Amino acid sequence: MARQNKILVPEAREGLDRLKAKVANTTDPNEAKYEMAREQGVPLQRGYNGKLTSEQAGKVGGNLGGNMVKEMIRMVQEQLNKR
């Protein structure tokens, strides 16, 4: 499955993938969305998922992205507190 999003700093891809895997409690960032889907009870599978509702698809992407943002904020706050 091809990546649809472009990140502003291509060199950050590896770090973002590690963060995605960490948030999804998996070692493989490519498995992150499937792990989140399982946790949400969404029947996401490899390949065509045209039978998913917009709500189901949003649960997976929104939860994963939202948790990544929360984790980034937590990390920055931790770094600021160390100063």
C-alpha atoms as a PDB file:
ATOM      1  CA  MET A   1       0.000   0.000   0.000  1.00  0.00           C
ATOM      2  CA  ALA A   2       1.532   3.326  -1.067  1.00  0.00           C
ATOM      3  CA  ARG A   3       1.896   6.172   1.407  1.00  0.00           C
ATOM      4  CA  GLN A   4      -0.563   8.958   0.720  1.00  0.00           C
ATOM      5  CA  ASN A   5       0.911  11.623   3.006  1.00  0.00           C
ATOM      6  CA  LYS A   6       4.079  13.581   2.448  1.00  0.00           C
ATOM      7  CA  ILE A   7       5.964  14.796   5.469  1.00  0.00           C
ATOM      8  CA  LEU A   8       7.622  18.209   5.413  1.00  0.00           C
ATOM      9  CA  VAL A   9      11.019  16.864   6.469  1.00  0.00           C
ATOM     10  CA  PRO A  10      11.707  13.580   4.644  1.00  0.00           C
ATOM     11  CA  GLU A  11      14.570  12.814   7.026  1.00  0.00           C
ATOM     12  CA  ALA A  12      12.017  12.541   9.853  1.00  0.00           C
ATOM     13  CA  ARG A  13      10.265   9.507   8.305  1.00  0.00           C
ATOM     14  CA  GLU A  14      12.214   6.968  10.379  1.00  0.00           C
ATOM     15  CA  GLY A  15      11.495   8.807  13.630  1.00  0.00           C
ATOM     16  CA  LEU A  16       7.799   9.143  12.800  1.00  0.00           C
ATOM     17  CA  ASP A  17       7.607   5.445  11.978  1.00  0.00           C
ATOM     18  CA  ARG A  18       9.207   4.587  15.347  1.00  0.00           C
ATOM     19  CA  LEU A  19       6.725   6.867  17.124  1.00  0.00           C
ATOM     20  CA  LYS A  20       3.797   5.288  15.266  1.00  0.00           C
ATOM     21  CA  ALA A  21       4.943   1.799  16.290  1.00  0.00           C
ATOM     22  CA  LYS A  22       5.434   2.919  19.902  1.00  0.00           C
ATOM     23  CA  VAL A  23       1.947   4.446  20.106  1.00  0.00           C
ATOM     24  CA  ALA A  24       0.354   1.329  18.601  1.00  0.00           C
ATOM     25  CA  ASN A  25       2.324  -1.028  20.881  1.00  0.00           C
ATOM     26  CA  THR A  26       3.890  -2.886  17.985  1.00  0.00           C
ATOM     27  CA  THR A  27       7.409  -3.216  16.611  1.00  0.00           C
ATOM     28  CA  ASP A  28       6.446  -2.744  12.967  1.00  0.00           C
ATOM     29  CA  PRO A  29       5.107   0.707  11.974  1.00  0.00           C
ATOM     30  CA  ASN A  30       3.382  -0.870   8.962  1.00  0.00           C
ATOM     31  CA  GLU A  31       1.287  -2.931  11.385  1.00  0.00           C
ATOM     32  CA  ALA A  32       0.293   0.083  13.517  1.00  0.00           C
ATOM     33  CA  LYS A  33      -2.988   0.834  11.778  1.00  0.00           C
ATOM     34  CA  TYR A  34      -4.030  -2.810  11.861  1.00  0.00           C
ATOM     35  CA  GLU A  35      -3.263  -3.006  15.577  1.00  0.00           C
ATOM     36  CA  MET A  36      -5.283   0.156  16.229  1.00  0.00           C
ATOM     37  CA  ALA A  37      -8.130  -1.226  14.121  1.00  0.00           C
ATOM     38  CA  ARG A  38      -8.167  -4.431  16.182  1.00  0.00           C
ATOM     39  CA  GLU A  39      -8.248  -2.394  19.404  1.00  0.00           C
ATOM     40  CA  GLN A  40     -11.162  -0.331  18.068  1.00  0.00           C
ATOM     41  CA  GLY A  41     -13.058  -3.369  16.763  1.00  0.00           C
ATOM     42  CA  VAL A  42     -12.804  -2.149  13.163  1.00  0.00           C
ATOM     43  CA  PRO A  43     -12.553  -4.945  10.543  1.00  0.00           C
ATOM     44  CA  LEU A  44      -9.617  -3.404   8.668  1.00  0.00           C
ATOM     45  CA  GLN A  45      -7.735  -5.793   6.417  1.00  0.00           C
ATOM     46  CA  ARG A  46      -4.975  -5.590   3.842  1.00  0.00           C
ATOM     47  CA  GLY A  47      -6.095  -4.538   0.407  1.00  0.00           C
ATOM     48  CA  TYR A  48      -9.539  -3.231  -0.408  1.00  0.00           C
ATOM     49  CA  ASN A  49     -11.587  -1.910   2.533  1.00  0.00           C
ATOM     50  CA  GLY A  50     -14.471  -0.341   0.637  1.00  0.00           C
ATOM     51  CA  LYS A  51     -17.022  -1.792   3.030  1.00  0.00           C
ATOM     52  CA  LEU A  52     -15.701   0.243   5.946  1.00  0.00           C
ATOM     53  CA  THR A  53     -17.811   3.210   6.927  1.00  0.00           C
ATOM     54  CA  SER A  54     -16.283   6.671   7.209  1.00  0.00           C
ATOM     55  CA  GLU A  55     -16.779   6.431  10.957  1.00  0.00           C
ATOM     56  CA  GLN A  56     -14.819   3.181  11.156  1.00  0.00           C
ATOM     57  CA  ALA A  57     -11.969   4.514   9.022  1.00  0.00           C
ATOM     58  CA  GLY A  58     -11.863   7.701  11.081  1.00  0.00           C
ATOM     59  CA  LYS A  59     -11.618   5.734  14.313  1.00  0.00           C
ATOM     60  CA  VAL A  60      -8.419   4.089  13.139  1.00  0.00           C
ATOM     61  CA  GLY A  61      -6.682   7.103  11.607  1.00  0.00           C
ATOM     62  CA  GLY A  62      -7.933   9.594  14.159  1.00  0.00           C
ATOM     63  CA  ASN A  63      -6.962   7.472  17.117  1.00  0.00           C
ATOM     64  CA  LEU A  64      -3.514   6.705  15.763  1.00  0.00           C
ATOM     65  CA  GLY A  65      -2.770  10.300  14.747  1.00  0.00           C
ATOM     66  CA  GLY A  66      -4.233  11.737  17.932  1.00  0.00           C
ATOM     67  CA  ASN A  67      -2.178   9.428  20.101  1.00  0.00           C
ATOM     68  CA  MET A  68       0.961  10.308  18.142  1.00  0.00           C
ATOM     69  CA  VAL A  69       0.358  14.020  18.772  1.00  0.00           C
ATOM     70  CA  LYS A  70      -0.266  13.389  22.482  1.00  0.00           C
ATOM     71  CA  GLU A  71       2.962  11.409  22.721  1.00  0.00           C
ATOM     72  CA  MET A  72       4.952  14.133  20.920  1.00  0.00           C
ATOM     73  CA  ILE A  73       3.574  16.756  23.313  1.00  0.00           C
ATOM     74  CA  ARG A  74       4.459  14.553  26.294  1.00  0.00           C
ATOM     75  CA  MET A  75       8.000  14.121  24.955  1.00  0.00           C
ATOM     76  CA  VAL A  76       8.492  17.871  24.447  1.00  0.00           C
ATOM     77  CA  GLN A  77       7.155  18.653  27.925  1.00  0.00           C
ATOM     78  CA  GLU A  78       9.558  16.103  29.367  1.00  0.00           C
ATOM     79  CA  GLN A  79      12.475  17.714  27.520  1.00  0.00           C
ATOM     80  CA  LEU A  80      11.457  21.190  28.700  1.00  0.00           C
ATOM     81  CA  ASN A  81      11.243  20.004  32.303  1.00  0.00           C
ATOM     82  CA  LYS A  82      14.814  18.685  32.098  1.00  0.00           C
ATOM     83  CA  ARG A  83      16.128  22.178  31.328  1.00  0.00           C
END
